[in-house]
């Protein structure tokens, strides 16, 4: 393993940047999971590029996937943050 030396102030700056990036990534992930499955499927349908069989498979796949679990978790986290700000 290689090591590098950085000043304490540079290290703290990098820590703050990493924390900000993690927060940004989690918020972006929440935004993606905000929409209910039917709205996601409707967005695909409105493009006119996908047939009914694909849309049905998409809906079924989202319901069976971890999408629901992650969406519920993300929305709960957002609710807690919103309540904490009040």
C-alpha atoms as a PDB file:
ATOM      1  CA  UNK A   1       0.000   0.000   0.000  1.00  0.00           C
ATOM      2  CA  UNK A   2       1.247   3.471  -0.787  1.00  0.00           C
ATOM      3  CA  UNK A   3       1.033   6.350   1.628  1.00  0.00           C
ATOM      4  CA  UNK A   4       0.966  10.088   1.135  1.00  0.00           C
ATOM      5  CA  UNK A   5       1.295  12.914   3.592  1.00  0.00           C
ATOM      6  CA  UNK A   6      -1.148  15.811   3.578  1.00  0.00           C
ATOM      7  CA  UNK A   7      -1.491  18.716   5.914  1.00  0.00           C
ATOM      8  CA  UNK A   8      -4.174  18.616   8.598  1.00  0.00           C
ATOM      9  CA  UNK A   9      -6.070  21.477   6.958  1.00  0.00           C
ATOM     10  CA  UNK A  10      -6.008  19.747   3.559  1.00  0.00           C
ATOM     11  CA  UNK A  11      -7.185  16.512   5.185  1.00  0.00           C
ATOM     12  CA  UNK A  12     -10.112  18.291   6.841  1.00  0.00           C
ATOM     13  CA  UNK A  13     -10.996  19.960   3.546  1.00  0.00           C
ATOM     14  CA  UNK A  14     -11.016  16.562   1.802  1.00  0.00           C
ATOM     15  CA  UNK A  15     -13.168  15.124   4.608  1.00  0.00           C
ATOM     16  CA  UNK A  16     -15.716  17.950   4.204  1.00  0.00           C
ATOM     17  CA  UNK A  17     -15.791  17.448   0.442  1.00  0.00           C
ATOM     18  CA  UNK A  18     -16.287  13.694   0.825  1.00  0.00           C
ATOM     19  CA  UNK A  19     -19.122  14.257   3.302  1.00  0.00           C
ATOM     20  CA  UNK A  20     -20.785  16.755   0.967  1.00  0.00           C
ATOM     21  CA  UNK A  21     -20.487  14.329  -1.950  1.00  0.00           C
ATOM     22  CA  UNK A  22     -22.031  11.494   0.084  1.00  0.00           C
ATOM     23  CA  UNK A  23     -24.934  13.763   1.051  1.00  0.00           C
ATOM     24  CA  UNK A  24     -25.445  14.874  -2.539  1.00  0.00           C
ATOM     25  CA  UNK A  25     -25.409  11.293  -3.793  1.00  0.00           C
ATOM     26  CA  UNK A  26     -27.964  10.204  -1.208  1.00  0.00           C
ATOM     27  CA  UNK A  27     -30.275  13.097  -2.093  1.00  0.00           C
ATOM     28  CA  UNK A  28     -30.024  12.347  -5.816  1.00  0.00           C
ATOM     29  CA  UNK A  29     -30.816   8.716  -5.079  1.00  0.00           C
ATOM     30  CA  UNK A  30     -33.874   9.802  -3.087  1.00  0.00           C
ATOM     31  CA  UNK A  31     -35.098  11.928  -5.987  1.00  0.00           C
ATOM     32  CA  UNK A  32     -34.866   8.973  -8.331  1.00  0.00           C
ATOM     33  CA  UNK A  33     -36.900   6.833  -5.931  1.00  0.00           C
ATOM     34  CA  UNK A  34     -39.484   9.460  -5.194  1.00  0.00           C
ATOM     35  CA  UNK A  35     -41.862   8.446  -7.974  1.00  0.00           C
ATOM     36  CA  UNK A  36     -44.273   5.561  -7.458  1.00  0.00           C
ATOM     37  CA  UNK A  37     -43.852   2.596  -9.795  1.00  0.00           C
ATOM     38  CA  UNK A  38     -46.941   3.478 -11.828  1.00  0.00           C
ATOM     39  CA  UNK A  39     -45.601   6.980 -12.490  1.00  0.00           C
ATOM     40  CA  UNK A  40     -42.275   5.566 -13.634  1.00  0.00           C
ATOM     41  CA  UNK A  41     -44.048   3.205 -16.017  1.00  0.00           C
ATOM     42  CA  UNK A  42     -46.294   6.037 -17.253  1.00  0.00           C
ATOM     43  CA  UNK A  43     -43.206   8.123 -18.015  1.00  0.00           C
ATOM     44  CA  UNK A  44     -41.871   5.307 -20.193  1.00  0.00           C
ATOM     45  CA  UNK A  45     -45.283   4.849 -21.850  1.00  0.00           C
ATOM     46  CA  UNK A  46     -45.574   8.547 -22.723  1.00  0.00           C
ATOM     47  CA  UNK A  47     -42.414   8.417 -24.810  1.00  0.00           C
ATOM     48  CA  UNK A  48     -44.191   6.099 -27.227  1.00  0.00           C
ATOM     49  CA  UNK A  49     -41.011   4.059 -27.644  1.00  0.00           C
ATOM     50  CA  UNK A  50     -42.028   1.001 -25.634  1.00  0.00           C
ATOM     51  CA  UNK A  51     -44.674  -1.654 -26.305  1.00  0.00           C
ATOM     52  CA  UNK A  52     -47.218  -2.894 -23.753  1.00  0.00           C
ATOM     53  CA  UNK A  53     -45.330  -6.118 -23.080  1.00  0.00           C
ATOM     54  CA  UNK A  54     -42.191  -4.171 -22.133  1.00  0.00           C
ATOM     55  CA  UNK A  55     -44.166  -1.801 -19.911  1.00  0.00           C
ATOM     56  CA  UNK A  56     -45.834  -4.730 -18.143  1.00  0.00           C
ATOM     57  CA  UNK A  57     -42.439  -6.371 -17.636  1.00  0.00           C
ATOM     58  CA  UNK A  58     -41.049  -3.098 -16.316  1.00  0.00           C
ATOM     59  CA  UNK A  59     -43.894  -2.717 -13.812  1.00  0.00           C
ATOM     60  CA  UNK A  60     -43.569  -6.334 -12.709  1.00  0.00           C
ATOM     61  CA  UNK A  61     -39.792  -6.088 -12.421  1.00  0.00           C
ATOM     62  CA  UNK A  62     -39.929  -2.928 -10.337  1.00  0.00           C
ATOM     63  CA  UNK A  63     -42.442  -4.497  -7.982  1.00  0.00           C
ATOM     64  CA  UNK A  64     -40.265  -7.592  -7.538  1.00  0.00           C
ATOM     65  CA  UNK A  65     -37.019  -5.660  -7.262  1.00  0.00           C
ATOM     66  CA  UNK A  66     -35.555  -3.841  -4.306  1.00  0.00           C
ATOM     67  CA  UNK A  67     -36.931  -0.586  -5.791  1.00  0.00           C
ATOM     68  CA  UNK A  68     -39.878  -0.605  -3.378  1.00  0.00           C
ATOM     69  CA  UNK A  69     -37.698  -1.270  -0.354  1.00  0.00           C
ATOM     70  CA  UNK A  70     -35.189   1.440  -1.248  1.00  0.00           C
ATOM     71  CA  UNK A  71     -37.930   3.888  -2.174  1.00  0.00           C
ATOM     72  CA  UNK A  72     -39.636   3.414   1.182  1.00  0.00           C
ATOM     73  CA  UNK A  73     -36.323   3.822   3.003  1.00  0.00           C
ATOM     74  CA  UNK A  74     -35.392   6.958   1.037  1.00  0.00           C
ATOM     75  CA  UNK A  75     -38.775   8.564   1.611  1.00  0.00           C
ATOM     76  CA  UNK A  76     -38.611   7.779   5.331  1.00  0.00           C
ATOM     77  CA  UNK A  77     -35.176   9.401   5.569  1.00  0.00           C
ATOM     78  CA  UNK A  78     -36.432  12.459   3.724  1.00  0.00           C
ATOM     79  CA  UNK A  79     -39.425  12.689   6.076  1.00  0.00           C
ATOM     80  CA  UNK A  80     -37.144  12.522   9.125  1.00  0.00           C
ATOM     81  CA  UNK A  81     -34.887  15.260   7.724  1.00  0.00           C
ATOM     82  CA  UNK A  82     -37.876  17.446   6.917  1.00  0.00           C
ATOM     83  CA  UNK A  83     -39.301  16.969  10.427  1.00  0.00           C
ATOM     84  CA  UNK A  84     -35.901  17.748  11.984  1.00  0.00           C
ATOM     85  CA  UNK A  85     -35.688  21.058  10.084  1.00  0.00           C
ATOM     86  CA  UNK A  86     -39.020  22.287  11.497  1.00  0.00           C
END
